[in-house]
Amino acid sequence: MSTSSIPTRDGSSLEVRSNAPWWRRTAPIVVTGIALVVLWALAAAVADNLPTPGATAAELARMAGDGQLLSIFGRITLFMSACFAVAAAGGVALGLLLGSSTWLDRGLSPYLAALQGMPTSMWIPVAAVVLGTSPWSLAAVVTIGAMPAIMLGTRSAVKNVPPLLIRAGRTFGADRGSLMRHVVLPAALPGIMTGLELGWSIAFRCLVAGEIFSGALSGTGIGDVIDRSRETGELTEMMATILIVLAFTLLVDRIVFARVQHRLRVSRGLVDAGLPH
């Protein structure tokens, strides 16, 4: 049995215990991964041009040996962290403003929804013309692509705060700023996290799309791999890079978003702290 301590807003902590050992919790992920590798091997046996899992693993080993794997993984981490930090800060701040202003909400929300639904590829040539073919262009595409989803998610979370909580805060004498910091923001935090998670996925799709459509906008090294695969027709390195991207997204989801969502559920009583789970 394992236990974890979850801090609460009043400074105390909740002890959440689980009777399931770590290997049992990770077993579904491992089994699913093995099943996907088997399906991949069967597909490679049918399609001659598709690299096998063994060949791709050998390519990953080569990339690890010459430092290319660590370079791509590190550059993805730095690039996405910087771009998403800007998108998250701006998106949450503007989303809070939208959620607290009916006039702005009615005026901007329809356009934000339209921007969120636009294909990412439409912004890539615009950024390349305006900012040039540099990593800054790709950073602009990634940041701008993620912000509408974060803004709309934050706006919806603020709108869904129970009016009774706001009325209670005003009864205790909270001004507009205190009401936003101590009432609205804590109550809206689960919805804001959902918007951030959606914004992250859109930002990562923008990154990959920018690298695919224009290798000149490469900010992580993926674009170089894409260009080489186009010229040589060899997909082994491309498949290895896809696995690197898949591993990166899986780690971010498990280490960051899944843990934060779990802590939020526990702090709001959505996970029984006294029973195994």
C-alpha atoms as a PDB file:
ATOM      1  CA  MET A   1       0.000   0.000   0.000  1.00  0.00           C
ATOM      2  CA  SER A   2       1.293   3.471  -0.873  1.00  0.00           C
ATOM      3  CA  THR A   3       0.250   6.863   0.472  1.00  0.00           C
ATOM      4  CA  SER A   4       0.556  10.362  -0.902  1.00  0.00           C
ATOM      5  CA  SER A   5       0.135  13.680   0.869  1.00  0.00           C
ATOM      6  CA  ILE A   6      -2.023  16.314  -0.865  1.00  0.00           C
ATOM      7  CA  PRO A   7      -1.771  19.898   0.525  1.00  0.00           C
ATOM      8  CA  THR A   8      -5.008  21.828   0.998  1.00  0.00           C
ATOM      9  CA  ARG A   9      -5.712  25.555   0.861  1.00  0.00           C
ATOM     10  CA  ASP A  10      -5.848  25.940   4.660  1.00  0.00           C
ATOM     11  CA  GLY A  11      -2.281  24.646   5.078  1.00  0.00           C
ATOM     12  CA  SER A  12      -3.176  21.132   6.210  1.00  0.00           C
ATOM     13  CA  SER A  13      -2.703  17.984   4.139  1.00  0.00           C
ATOM     14  CA  LEU A  14      -4.737  14.969   3.116  1.00  0.00           C
ATOM     15  CA  GLU A  15      -3.281  11.479   3.176  1.00  0.00           C
ATOM     16  CA  VAL A  16      -4.523   9.526   0.162  1.00  0.00           C
ATOM     17  CA  ARG A  17      -3.707   5.846   0.201  1.00  0.00           C
ATOM     18  CA  SER A  18      -3.815   3.234  -2.492  1.00  0.00           C
ATOM     19  CA  ASN A  19      -3.607  -0.525  -2.024  1.00  0.00           C
ATOM     20  CA  ALA A  20      -2.529  -1.043  -5.630  1.00  0.00           C
ATOM     21  CA  PRO A  21       1.260  -1.488  -6.036  1.00  0.00           C
ATOM     22  CA  TRP A  22       3.059   0.654  -8.579  1.00  0.00           C
ATOM     23  CA  TRP A  23       3.424  -2.183 -11.070  1.00  0.00           C
ATOM     24  CA  ARG A  24      -0.316  -2.794 -11.085  1.00  0.00           C
ATOM     25  CA  ARG A  25      -1.020   0.863 -11.762  1.00  0.00           C
ATOM     26  CA  THR A  26       1.418   0.962 -14.672  1.00  0.00           C
ATOM     27  CA  ALA A  27       0.512  -2.454 -16.077  1.00  0.00           C
ATOM     28  CA  PRO A  28      -2.323  -1.164 -18.346  1.00  0.00           C
ATOM     29  CA  ILE A  29       0.052   1.327 -19.980  1.00  0.00           C
ATOM     30  CA  VAL A  30       2.716  -1.333 -20.542  1.00  0.00           C
ATOM     31  CA  VAL A  31       0.260  -3.915 -21.884  1.00  0.00           C
ATOM     32  CA  THR A  32      -1.270  -1.378 -24.265  1.00  0.00           C
ATOM     33  CA  GLY A  33       2.194  -0.370 -25.464  1.00  0.00           C
ATOM     34  CA  ILE A  34       3.122  -4.003 -26.156  1.00  0.00           C
ATOM     35  CA  ALA A  35      -0.114  -4.512 -28.077  1.00  0.00           C
ATOM     36  CA  LEU A  36       0.611  -1.431 -30.191  1.00  0.00           C
ATOM     37  CA  VAL A  37       4.135  -2.699 -30.964  1.00  0.00           C
ATOM     38  CA  VAL A  38       2.687  -6.059 -32.067  1.00  0.00           C
ATOM     39  CA  LEU A  39       0.201  -4.296 -34.355  1.00  0.00           C
ATOM     40  CA  TRP A  40       3.058  -2.180 -35.707  1.00  0.00           C
ATOM     41  CA  ALA A  41       5.102  -5.310 -36.457  1.00  0.00           C
ATOM     42  CA  LEU A  42       2.156  -6.880 -38.288  1.00  0.00           C
ATOM     43  CA  ALA A  43       1.639  -3.700 -40.316  1.00  0.00           C
ATOM     44  CA  ALA A  44       5.354  -3.591 -41.179  1.00  0.00           C
ATOM     45  CA  ALA A  45       5.144  -7.201 -42.403  1.00  0.00           C
ATOM     46  CA  VAL A  46       2.387  -6.174 -44.846  1.00  0.00           C
ATOM     47  CA  ALA A  47       3.765  -2.775 -45.917  1.00  0.00           C
ATOM     48  CA  ASP A  48       7.291  -3.079 -47.273  1.00  0.00           C
ATOM     49  CA  ASN A  49       8.147   0.614 -46.824  1.00  0.00           C
ATOM     50  CA  LEU A  50       7.139   0.735 -43.146  1.00  0.00           C
ATOM     51  CA  PRO A  51      10.141   0.241 -40.804  1.00  0.00           C
ATOM     52  CA  THR A  52       9.866  -2.582 -38.290  1.00  0.00           C
ATOM     53  CA  PRO A  53       9.975  -1.980 -34.524  1.00  0.00           C
ATOM     54  CA  GLY A  54      13.406  -3.614 -34.399  1.00  0.00           C
ATOM     55  CA  ALA A  55      14.847  -1.358 -37.097  1.00  0.00           C
ATOM     56  CA  THR A  56      13.349   1.693 -35.411  1.00  0.00           C
ATOM     57  CA  ALA A  57      14.795   0.648 -32.044  1.00  0.00           C
ATOM     58  CA  ALA A  58      18.219   0.287 -33.661  1.00  0.00           C
ATOM     59  CA  GLU A  59      17.849   3.775 -35.140  1.00  0.00           C
ATOM     60  CA  LEU A  60      16.902   5.137 -31.716  1.00  0.00           C
ATOM     61  CA  ALA A  61      20.035   3.539 -30.292  1.00  0.00           C
ATOM     62  CA  ARG A  62      22.125   5.178 -33.020  1.00  0.00           C
ATOM     63  CA  MET A  63      20.498   8.562 -32.365  1.00  0.00           C
ATOM     64  CA  ALA A  64      21.169   8.140 -28.645  1.00  0.00           C
ATOM     65  CA  GLY A  65      24.771   7.248 -29.326  1.00  0.00           C
ATOM     66  CA  ASP A  66      25.540  10.313 -31.437  1.00  0.00           C
ATOM     67  CA  GLY A  67      23.554  12.680 -29.180  1.00  0.00           C
ATOM     68  CA  GLN A  68      20.758  13.407 -31.669  1.00  0.00           C
ATOM     69  CA  LEU A  69      18.061  11.871 -29.450  1.00  0.00           C
ATOM     70  CA  LEU A  70      19.029  13.983 -26.444  1.00  0.00           C
ATOM     71  CA  SER A  71      19.287  17.079 -28.650  1.00  0.00           C
ATOM     72  CA  ILE A  72      15.797  16.667 -30.126  1.00  0.00           C
ATOM     73  CA  PHE A  73      14.251  15.813 -26.759  1.00  0.00           C
ATOM     74  CA  GLY A  74      15.953  18.727 -25.019  1.00  0.00           C
ATOM     75  CA  ARG A  75      15.091  21.245 -27.720  1.00  0.00           C
ATOM     76  CA  ILE A  76      11.450  20.128 -27.749  1.00  0.00           C
ATOM     77  CA  THR A  77      11.331  20.556 -23.967  1.00  0.00           C
ATOM     78  CA  LEU A  78      12.869  24.047 -24.002  1.00  0.00           C
ATOM     79  CA  PHE A  79      10.905  25.234 -27.029  1.00  0.00           C
ATOM     80  CA  MET A  80       7.521  23.997 -25.794  1.00  0.00           C
ATOM     81  CA  SER A  81       8.126  25.166 -22.222  1.00  0.00           C
ATOM     82  CA  ALA A  82       8.911  28.722 -23.339  1.00  0.00           C
ATOM     83  CA  CYS A  83       6.069  28.970 -25.845  1.00  0.00           C
ATOM     84  CA  PHE A  84       3.486  27.375 -23.583  1.00  0.00           C
ATOM     85  CA  ALA A  85       4.481  29.526 -20.601  1.00  0.00           C
ATOM     86  CA  VAL A  86       3.739  32.658 -22.647  1.00  0.00           C
ATOM     87  CA  ALA A  87       0.494  31.192 -24.015  1.00  0.00           C
ATOM     88  CA  ALA A  88      -0.649  30.045 -20.566  1.00  0.00           C
ATOM     89  CA  ALA A  89       0.078  33.360 -18.846  1.00  0.00           C
ATOM     90  CA  GLY A  90      -1.585  35.427 -21.549  1.00  0.00           C
ATOM     91  CA  GLY A  91      -4.465  32.995 -22.103  1.00  0.00           C
ATOM     92  CA  VAL A  92      -5.399  32.684 -18.430  1.00  0.00           C
ATOM     93  CA  ALA A  93      -5.141  36.436 -17.798  1.00  0.00           C
ATOM     94  CA  LEU A  94      -7.260  37.324 -20.834  1.00  0.00           C
ATOM     95  CA  GLY A  95      -9.673  34.472 -20.078  1.00  0.00           C
ATOM     96  CA  LEU A  96     -10.239  35.823 -16.565  1.00  0.00           C
ATOM     97  CA  LEU A  97     -10.926  39.223 -18.089  1.00  0.00           C
ATOM     98  CA  LEU A  98     -13.393  37.724 -20.562  1.00  0.00           C
ATOM     99  CA  GLY A  99     -15.164  35.742 -17.872  1.00  0.00           C
ATOM    100  CA  SER A 100     -15.631  38.780 -15.662  1.00  0.00           C
ATOM    101  CA  SER A 101     -16.778  41.170 -18.410  1.00  0.00           C
ATOM    102  CA  THR A 102     -20.049  40.429 -20.202  1.00  0.00           C
ATOM    103  CA  TRP A 103     -19.404  43.017 -22.906  1.00  0.00           C
ATOM    104  CA  LEU A 104     -15.964  41.662 -23.802  1.00  0.00           C
ATOM    105  CA  ASP A 105     -17.242  38.111 -23.644  1.00  0.00           C
ATOM    106  CA  ARG A 106     -20.016  38.762 -26.137  1.00  0.00           C
ATOM    107  CA  GLY A 107     -17.693  40.644 -28.441  1.00  0.00           C
ATOM    108  CA  LEU A 108     -14.602  38.414 -28.473  1.00  0.00           C
ATOM    109  CA  SER A 109     -15.699  34.862 -27.672  1.00  0.00           C
ATOM    110  CA  PRO A 110     -17.200  34.141 -31.137  1.00  0.00           C
ATOM    111  CA  TYR A 111     -13.953  35.223 -32.810  1.00  0.00           C
ATOM    112  CA  LEU A 112     -11.866  33.154 -30.398  1.00  0.00           C
ATOM    113  CA  ALA A 113     -13.994  30.095 -31.141  1.00  0.00           C
ATOM    114  CA  ALA A 114     -13.461  30.715 -34.868  1.00  0.00           C
ATOM    115  CA  LEU A 115      -9.687  31.077 -34.372  1.00  0.00           C
ATOM    116  CA  GLN A 116      -9.583  27.867 -32.365  1.00  0.00           C
ATOM    117  CA  GLY A 117     -11.263  25.991 -35.207  1.00  0.00           C
ATOM    118  CA  MET A 118      -8.973  27.317 -37.943  1.00  0.00           C
ATOM    119  CA  PRO A 119      -6.371  24.882 -39.360  1.00  0.00           C
ATOM    120  CA  THR A 120      -2.890  25.452 -38.000  1.00  0.00           C
ATOM    121  CA  SER A 121      -1.336  25.245 -41.456  1.00  0.00           C
ATOM    122  CA  MET A 122      -2.980  28.549 -42.425  1.00  0.00           C
ATOM    123  CA  TRP A 123      -0.835  30.496 -39.948  1.00  0.00           C
ATOM    124  CA  ILE A 124       2.501  28.957 -40.924  1.00  0.00           C
ATOM    125  CA  PRO A 125       3.055  30.833 -44.229  1.00  0.00           C
ATOM    126  CA  VAL A 126       1.773  34.057 -42.655  1.00  0.00           C
ATOM    127  CA  ALA A 127       4.303  33.772 -39.827  1.00  0.00           C
ATOM    128  CA  ALA A 128       7.069  32.909 -42.300  1.00  0.00           C
ATOM    129  CA  VAL A 129       6.353  36.026 -44.383  1.00  0.00           C
ATOM    130  CA  VAL A 130       5.941  38.398 -41.430  1.00  0.00           C
ATOM    131  CA  LEU A 131       8.712  37.112 -39.128  1.00  0.00           C
ATOM    132  CA  GLY A 132      10.945  35.291 -41.601  1.00  0.00           C
ATOM    133  CA  THR A 133      11.958  31.652 -41.723  1.00  0.00           C
ATOM    134  CA  SER A 134      13.337  31.352 -38.228  1.00  0.00           C
ATOM    135  CA  PRO A 135      12.426  29.597 -34.978  1.00  0.00           C
ATOM    136  CA  TRP A 136      10.722  32.833 -33.909  1.00  0.00           C
ATOM    137  CA  SER A 137       8.090  32.241 -36.600  1.00  0.00           C
ATOM    138  CA  LEU A 138       7.387  28.769 -35.278  1.00  0.00           C
ATOM    139  CA  ALA A 139       7.275  30.104 -31.710  1.00  0.00           C
ATOM    140  CA  ALA A 140       4.638  32.648 -32.768  1.00  0.00           C
ATOM    141  CA  VAL A 141       2.534  29.933 -34.436  1.00  0.00           C
ATOM    142  CA  VAL A 142       2.750  27.680 -31.373  1.00  0.00           C
ATOM    143  CA  THR A 143       1.957  30.453 -28.889  1.00  0.00           C
ATOM    144  CA  ILE A 144      -0.892  32.034 -30.843  1.00  0.00           C
ATOM    145  CA  GLY A 145      -2.335  28.628 -31.696  1.00  0.00           C
ATOM    146  CA  ALA A 146      -2.656  27.654 -28.031  1.00  0.00           C
ATOM    147  CA  MET A 147      -4.054  30.897 -26.626  1.00  0.00           C
ATOM    148  CA  PRO A 148      -7.677  30.768 -27.917  1.00  0.00           C
ATOM    149  CA  ALA A 149      -8.305  27.376 -26.291  1.00  0.00           C
ATOM    150  CA  ILE A 150      -6.798  28.538 -22.991  1.00  0.00           C
ATOM    151  CA  MET A 151      -8.766  31.780 -23.057  1.00  0.00           C
ATOM    152  CA  LEU A 152     -12.053  30.038 -23.819  1.00  0.00           C
ATOM    153  CA  GLY A 153     -11.412  27.350 -21.199  1.00  0.00           C
ATOM    154  CA  THR A 154     -10.646  29.968 -18.546  1.00  0.00           C
ATOM    155  CA  ARG A 155     -13.632  32.070 -19.584  1.00  0.00           C
ATOM    156  CA  SER A 156     -15.988  29.068 -19.303  1.00  0.00           C
ATOM    157  CA  ALA A 157     -14.517  28.109 -15.928  1.00  0.00           C
ATOM    158  CA  VAL A 158     -15.146  31.618 -14.586  1.00  0.00           C
ATOM    159  CA  LYS A 159     -18.683  31.643 -15.960  1.00  0.00           C
ATOM    160  CA  ASN A 160     -19.382  28.315 -14.216  1.00  0.00           C
ATOM    161  CA  VAL A 161     -18.392  29.531 -10.746  1.00  0.00           C
ATOM    162  CA  PRO A 162     -21.545  29.232  -8.580  1.00  0.00           C
ATOM    163  CA  PRO A 163     -23.068  32.689  -7.997  1.00  0.00           C
ATOM    164  CA  LEU A 164     -23.575  31.762  -4.357  1.00  0.00           C
ATOM    165  CA  LEU A 165     -19.819  31.748  -3.816  1.00  0.00           C
ATOM    166  CA  ILE A 166     -19.457  35.201  -5.340  1.00  0.00           C
ATOM    167  CA  ARG A 167     -22.368  36.498  -3.268  1.00  0.00           C
ATOM    168  CA  ALA A 168     -20.793  35.078  -0.116  1.00  0.00           C
ATOM    169  CA  GLY A 169     -17.475  36.747  -0.931  1.00  0.00           C
ATOM    170  CA  ARG A 170     -19.181  40.095  -1.386  1.00  0.00           C
ATOM    171  CA  THR A 171     -21.039  39.608   1.889  1.00  0.00           C
ATOM    172  CA  PHE A 172     -17.684  39.266   3.666  1.00  0.00           C
ATOM    173  CA  GLY A 173     -16.551  42.549   2.135  1.00  0.00           C
ATOM    174  CA  ALA A 174     -14.274  41.318  -0.638  1.00  0.00           C
ATOM    175  CA  ASP A 175     -13.525  43.879  -3.332  1.00  0.00           C
ATOM    176  CA  ARG A 176     -13.234  42.994  -7.025  1.00  0.00           C
ATOM    177  CA  GLY A 177      -9.552  42.039  -6.829  1.00  0.00           C
ATOM    178  CA  SER A 178      -9.918  39.981  -3.643  1.00  0.00           C
ATOM    179  CA  LEU A 179     -13.000  38.295  -5.042  1.00  0.00           C
ATOM    180  CA  MET A 180     -11.081  37.261  -8.155  1.00  0.00           C
ATOM    181  CA  ARG A 181      -8.025  35.998  -6.231  1.00  0.00           C
ATOM    182  CA  HIS A 182      -9.690  34.240  -3.299  1.00  0.00           C
ATOM    183  CA  VAL A 183     -13.069  33.116  -4.672  1.00  0.00           C
ATOM    184  CA  VAL A 184     -13.303  33.028  -8.464  1.00  0.00           C
ATOM    185  CA  LEU A 185      -9.798  31.766  -9.286  1.00  0.00           C
ATOM    186  CA  PRO A 186      -9.766  28.829  -6.792  1.00  0.00           C
ATOM    187  CA  ALA A 187     -13.281  27.781  -7.819  1.00  0.00           C
ATOM    188  CA  ALA A 188     -12.441  28.000 -11.527  1.00  0.00           C
ATOM    189  CA  LEU A 189      -9.075  26.216 -11.249  1.00  0.00           C
ATOM    190  CA  PRO A 190     -10.265  22.755 -12.446  1.00  0.00           C
ATOM    191  CA  GLY A 191     -11.795  24.282 -15.571  1.00  0.00           C
ATOM    192  CA  ILE A 192      -8.695  26.401 -16.147  1.00  0.00           C
ATOM    193  CA  MET A 193      -6.529  23.266 -15.952  1.00  0.00           C
ATOM    194  CA  THR A 194      -8.730  21.590 -18.558  1.00  0.00           C
ATOM    195  CA  GLY A 195      -8.253  24.584 -20.841  1.00  0.00           C
ATOM    196  CA  LEU A 196      -4.493  24.495 -20.264  1.00  0.00           C
ATOM    197  CA  GLU A 197      -4.356  20.801 -21.127  1.00  0.00           C
ATOM    198  CA  LEU A 198      -6.297  21.417 -24.331  1.00  0.00           C
ATOM    199  CA  GLY A 199      -4.068  24.385 -25.139  1.00  0.00           C
ATOM    200  CA  TRP A 200      -0.965  22.236 -24.637  1.00  0.00           C
ATOM    201  CA  SER A 201      -2.193  19.614 -27.098  1.00  0.00           C
ATOM    202  CA  ILE A 202      -3.008  22.297 -29.681  1.00  0.00           C
ATOM    203  CA  ALA A 203       0.384  23.941 -29.146  1.00  0.00           C
ATOM    204  CA  PHE A 204       2.171  20.661 -29.729  1.00  0.00           C
ATOM    205  CA  ARG A 205       0.173  20.003 -32.895  1.00  0.00           C
ATOM    206  CA  CYS A 206       1.145  23.498 -34.069  1.00  0.00           C
ATOM    207  CA  LEU A 207       4.798  22.685 -33.415  1.00  0.00           C
ATOM    208  CA  VAL A 208       4.737  19.428 -35.372  1.00  0.00           C
ATOM    209  CA  ALA A 209       2.666  20.949 -38.184  1.00  0.00           C
ATOM    210  CA  GLY A 210       5.080  23.873 -38.479  1.00  0.00           C
ATOM    211  CA  GLU A 211       8.026  21.509 -38.723  1.00  0.00           C
ATOM    212  CA  ILE A 212       6.265  19.288 -41.280  1.00  0.00           C
ATOM    213  CA  PHE A 213       5.012  22.056 -43.563  1.00  0.00           C
ATOM    214  CA  SER A 214       8.194  24.068 -43.431  1.00  0.00           C
ATOM    215  CA  GLY A 215      11.476  22.584 -42.289  1.00  0.00           C
ATOM    216  CA  ALA A 216      12.950  26.079 -42.462  1.00  0.00           C
ATOM    217  CA  LEU A 217      10.917  26.925 -39.353  1.00  0.00           C
ATOM    218  CA  SER A 218      12.619  24.143 -37.430  1.00  0.00           C
ATOM    219  CA  GLY A 219      13.105  24.990 -33.780  1.00  0.00           C
ATOM    220  CA  THR A 220      13.623  21.491 -32.405  1.00  0.00           C
ATOM    221  CA  GLY A 221      15.435  19.450 -35.047  1.00  0.00           C
ATOM    222  CA  ILE A 222      12.321  17.605 -36.197  1.00  0.00           C
ATOM    223  CA  GLY A 223      12.313  19.650 -39.383  1.00  0.00           C
ATOM    224  CA  ASP A 224      15.826  18.432 -40.247  1.00  0.00           C
ATOM    225  CA  VAL A 225      14.699  14.819 -39.902  1.00  0.00           C
ATOM    226  CA  ILE A 226      11.667  15.511 -42.088  1.00  0.00           C
ATOM    227  CA  ASP A 227      13.810  17.068 -44.824  1.00  0.00           C
ATOM    228  CA  ARG A 228      16.220  14.135 -44.817  1.00  0.00           C
ATOM    229  CA  SER A 229      13.365  11.631 -45.008  1.00  0.00           C
ATOM    230  CA  ARG A 230      11.857  13.506 -47.948  1.00  0.00           C
ATOM    231  CA  GLU A 231      15.136  13.458 -49.840  1.00  0.00           C
ATOM    232  CA  THR A 232      16.142   9.862 -49.155  1.00  0.00           C
ATOM    233  CA  GLY A 233      12.750   8.191 -48.789  1.00  0.00           C
ATOM    234  CA  GLU A 234      14.065   6.411 -45.666  1.00  0.00           C
ATOM    235  CA  LEU A 235      11.420   6.356 -42.943  1.00  0.00           C
ATOM    236  CA  THR A 236      13.374   4.667 -40.152  1.00  0.00           C
ATOM    237  CA  GLU A 237      14.725   7.922 -38.717  1.00  0.00           C
ATOM    238  CA  MET A 238      11.293   9.490 -39.132  1.00  0.00           C
ATOM    239  CA  MET A 239       9.639   6.668 -37.156  1.00  0.00           C
ATOM    240  CA  ALA A 240      12.287   7.022 -34.455  1.00  0.00           C
ATOM    241  CA  THR A 241      11.531  10.740 -34.224  1.00  0.00           C
ATOM    242  CA  ILE A 242       7.801  10.008 -34.001  1.00  0.00           C
ATOM    243  CA  LEU A 243       8.536   7.734 -31.032  1.00  0.00           C
ATOM    244  CA  ILE A 244      10.542  10.534 -29.401  1.00  0.00           C
ATOM    245  CA  VAL A 245       7.585  12.898 -29.806  1.00  0.00           C
ATOM    246  CA  LEU A 246       5.184  10.230 -28.495  1.00  0.00           C
ATOM    247  CA  ALA A 247       7.377   9.612 -25.445  1.00  0.00           C
ATOM    248  CA  PHE A 248       7.582  13.354 -24.771  1.00  0.00           C
ATOM    249  CA  THR A 249       3.815  13.855 -24.879  1.00  0.00           C
ATOM    250  CA  LEU A 250       3.230  10.775 -22.717  1.00  0.00           C
ATOM    251  CA  LEU A 251       5.677  11.984 -20.074  1.00  0.00           C
ATOM    252  CA  VAL A 252       4.155  15.465 -19.966  1.00  0.00           C
ATOM    253  CA  ASP A 253       0.658  14.034 -19.602  1.00  0.00           C
ATOM    254  CA  ARG A 254       1.599  11.545 -16.851  1.00  0.00           C
ATOM    255  CA  ILE A 255       4.056  13.699 -14.904  1.00  0.00           C
ATOM    256  CA  VAL A 256       2.371  17.103 -15.154  1.00  0.00           C
ATOM    257  CA  PHE A 257      -1.287  17.166 -16.138  1.00  0.00           C
ATOM    258  CA  ALA A 258      -2.422  13.846 -14.634  1.00  0.00           C
ATOM    259  CA  ARG A 259      -0.826  14.653 -11.275  1.00  0.00           C
ATOM    260  CA  VAL A 260      -2.213  18.175 -11.128  1.00  0.00           C
ATOM    261  CA  GLN A 261      -5.709  16.966 -12.045  1.00  0.00           C
ATOM    262  CA  HIS A 262      -5.496  14.286  -9.347  1.00  0.00           C
ATOM    263  CA  ARG A 263      -4.465  16.815  -6.712  1.00  0.00           C
ATOM    264  CA  LEU A 264      -7.329  19.093  -7.706  1.00  0.00           C
ATOM    265  CA  ARG A 265      -9.841  16.243  -7.448  1.00  0.00           C
ATOM    266  CA  VAL A 266      -8.539  15.265  -3.999  1.00  0.00           C
ATOM    267  CA  SER A 267      -8.547  18.845  -2.685  1.00  0.00           C
ATOM    268  CA  ARG A 268     -12.184  19.234  -3.760  1.00  0.00           C
ATOM    269  CA  GLY A 269     -13.380  15.964  -2.264  1.00  0.00           C
ATOM    270  CA  LEU A 270     -13.790  14.168  -5.582  1.00  0.00           C
ATOM    271  CA  VAL A 271     -11.447  11.364  -4.442  1.00  0.00           C
ATOM    272  CA  ASP A 272     -12.226   9.587  -1.165  1.00  0.00           C
ATOM    273  CA  ALA A 273      -9.093  10.168   0.918  1.00  0.00           C
ATOM    274  CA  GLY A 274     -10.026   7.415   3.361  1.00  0.00           C
ATOM    275  CA  LEU A 275     -10.543   4.579   0.926  1.00  0.00           C
ATOM    276  CA  PRO A 276      -8.183   2.804  -1.485  1.00  0.00           C
ATOM    277  CA  HIS A 277      -8.398   4.007  -5.071  1.00  0.00           C
END
